[in-house]
Structures are given as structure tokens and as C-alpha cells.
């Protein structure tokens, strides 16, 4: 179980929608919602428009979502991880890395 918050639309022009409905669950903008669906948790953890347990994903070279506030989670430094750890992480995310070397696995995980 995790707490997922939808951060809203990253726009300065207007306030945007007040909620987002995803997979039948309503996410009021900026409010945490308890979610037990592991697929949703994985997807949200790699989506810069959501926070998962207070952590916000920030892609390499990007700025955090304007509604994120202070970014609590750092992006994972895959280069510091062992190949076995990278393979386990890829399997957890449903990414096929069979036969790939460390650099190729890192590239797949970073995509």
C-alpha cells in the first residue's frame, strides 16, 4: 500500500482540473490517496505528475513539477548499483533485460 498524490497540471496559465480519475480512483489535486494496486504504484513512481509516499520522480535534466514543493526523493543513481540489483529492479518493473549488460540495463531503467 502506498499514498499517491496527483500534483495537477503543470501550467501557469490557469488552475487546471481539480481532480484526476485514474483506474477508477479519484485523485483530488495535491491530496494523498491510499492505493494498493502495485501496477499503479510503479507507474506513478515514474510519473513526474504524481508523488508516491511523498517522493517525486524527476527525470534526468528536468525540473521538478511546479506543484511538487520540495523534492524529497532523489533520482536513483543506477551507476552505483550492482548488475544483480539492476536486474531485480527491472524485473520488479516488468522490464525485460535478459542478455543485456549493465549500461544497457541502466539505459532501459532510465527510459
Protein backbone atom coordinates (compact mmCIF):
# COMPACT_ATOMS: atom_id res chain seq x y z
CA UNK A 1 0.00 0.00 0.00
CA UNK A 2 1.23 3.49 -0.84
CA UNK A 3 -0.02 7.04 -0.69
CA UNK A 4 -0.23 8.56 -4.16
CA UNK A 5 -0.91 12.24 -4.82
CA UNK A 6 -1.70 13.77 -8.20
CA UNK A 7 0.14 17.09 -8.40
CA UNK A 8 -2.10 18.64 -11.04
CA UNK A 9 -1.42 20.01 -14.48
CA UNK A 10 1.94 21.81 -14.68
CA UNK A 11 0.63 25.02 -16.19
CA UNK A 12 0.92 28.65 -15.24
CA UNK A 13 -1.97 29.76 -17.46
CA UNK A 14 -4.86 28.56 -15.34
CA UNK A 15 -5.55 26.44 -12.34
CA UNK A 16 -6.46 23.37 -14.38
CA UNK A 17 -8.62 20.46 -13.24
CA UNK A 18 -9.17 19.89 -9.54
CA UNK A 19 -9.04 16.10 -9.77
CA UNK A 20 -7.83 13.23 -11.91
CA UNK A 21 -9.55 9.86 -12.21
CA UNK A 22 -7.17 7.02 -12.92
CA UNK A 23 -8.16 3.37 -12.97
CA UNK A 24 -11.43 4.23 -11.24
CA UNK A 25 -9.73 6.04 -8.34
CA UNK A 26 -10.29 9.78 -7.88
CA UNK A 27 -7.18 11.79 -7.05
CA UNK A 28 -8.03 15.29 -5.81
CA UNK A 29 -5.19 17.63 -6.77
CA UNK A 30 -2.47 17.62 -4.11
CA UNK A 31 -4.17 15.13 -1.76
CA UNK A 32 -2.73 11.71 -0.93
CA UNK A 33 -4.87 8.68 -1.69
CA UNK A 34 -4.13 5.17 -0.34
CA UNK A 35 -3.56 2.76 -3.25
CA UNK A 36 -2.84 -0.97 -3.02
CA UNK A 37 -2.56 -1.67 -6.78
CA UNK A 38 1.16 -2.42 -7.32
CA UNK A 39 0.98 -1.60 -11.04
CA UNK A 40 -0.42 1.87 -10.29
CA UNK A 41 2.21 2.45 -7.60
CA UNK A 42 5.04 1.54 -10.03
CA UNK A 43 3.60 3.71 -12.81
CA UNK A 44 3.03 6.69 -10.51
CA UNK A 45 6.55 6.42 -9.06
CA UNK A 46 7.95 7.07 -12.56
CA UNK A 47 5.48 9.85 -13.46
CA UNK A 48 6.54 13.41 -12.60
CA UNK A 49 2.88 14.45 -12.18
CA UNK A 50 2.46 12.18 -9.15
CA UNK A 51 4.14 11.70 -5.80
CA UNK A 52 4.34 8.32 -4.10
CA UNK A 53 4.75 8.36 -0.34
CA UNK A 54 5.95 11.95 -0.65
CA UNK A 55 8.63 11.21 -3.25
CA UNK A 56 8.51 12.92 -6.64
CA UNK A 57 10.18 11.48 -9.74
CA UNK A 58 12.34 13.99 -11.59
CA UNK A 59 13.73 12.78 -14.94
CA UNK A 60 17.40 13.50 -15.67
CA UNK A 61 17.90 17.12 -16.68
CA UNK A 62 14.32 18.12 -15.84
CA UNK A 63 12.88 20.45 -13.26
CA UNK A 64 10.54 19.10 -10.58
CA UNK A 65 6.80 19.53 -11.15
CA UNK A 66 5.86 23.11 -10.17
CA UNK A 67 3.32 21.82 -7.63
CA UNK A 68 5.73 19.32 -6.06
CA UNK A 69 7.10 21.59 -3.37
CA UNK A 70 10.45 20.46 -2.03
CA UNK A 71 11.51 17.28 -3.82
CA UNK A 72 12.02 14.68 -1.12
CA UNK A 73 13.23 11.80 -3.26
CA UNK A 74 16.40 11.78 -5.24
CA UNK A 75 16.50 10.02 -8.57
CA UNK A 76 18.19 6.65 -8.28
CA UNK A 77 21.85 6.58 -9.27
CA UNK A 78 21.87 3.31 -11.19
CA UNK A 79 25.61 3.51 -11.82
CA UNK A 80 26.24 2.76 -8.13
CA UNK A 81 24.12 -0.40 -8.22
CA UNK A 82 25.33 -3.94 -8.91
CA UNK A 83 24.09 -5.76 -12.02
CA UNK A 84 22.08 -8.21 -9.88
CA UNK A 85 20.33 -5.27 -8.16
CA UNK A 86 19.59 -3.66 -11.52
CA UNK A 87 18.17 -6.92 -12.87
CA UNK A 88 15.95 -7.30 -9.78
CA UNK A 89 14.71 -3.72 -10.14
CA UNK A 90 13.98 -4.28 -13.84
CA UNK A 91 12.07 -7.49 -13.05
CA UNK A 92 10.06 -5.63 -10.40
CA UNK A 93 9.10 -3.05 -13.02
CA UNK A 94 8.34 -5.68 -15.66
CA UNK A 95 11.25 -4.66 -17.90
CA UNK A 96 12.96 -7.45 -19.86
CA UNK A 97 16.74 -7.08 -19.55
CA UNK A 98 17.74 -10.65 -20.38
CA UNK A 99 21.17 -10.75 -22.04
CA UNK A 100 21.85 -7.02 -21.57
CA UNK A 101 24.99 -5.60 -19.99
CA UNK A 102 24.97 -3.07 -17.13
CA UNK A 103 24.99 0.02 -19.37
CA UNK A 104 22.09 -1.32 -21.44
CA UNK A 105 20.09 -2.17 -18.30
CA UNK A 106 20.70 1.33 -16.90
CA UNK A 107 19.50 2.80 -20.19
CA UNK A 108 16.29 0.72 -20.09
CA UNK A 109 15.61 1.65 -16.45
CA UNK A 110 16.20 5.35 -17.17
CA UNK A 111 13.81 5.45 -20.13
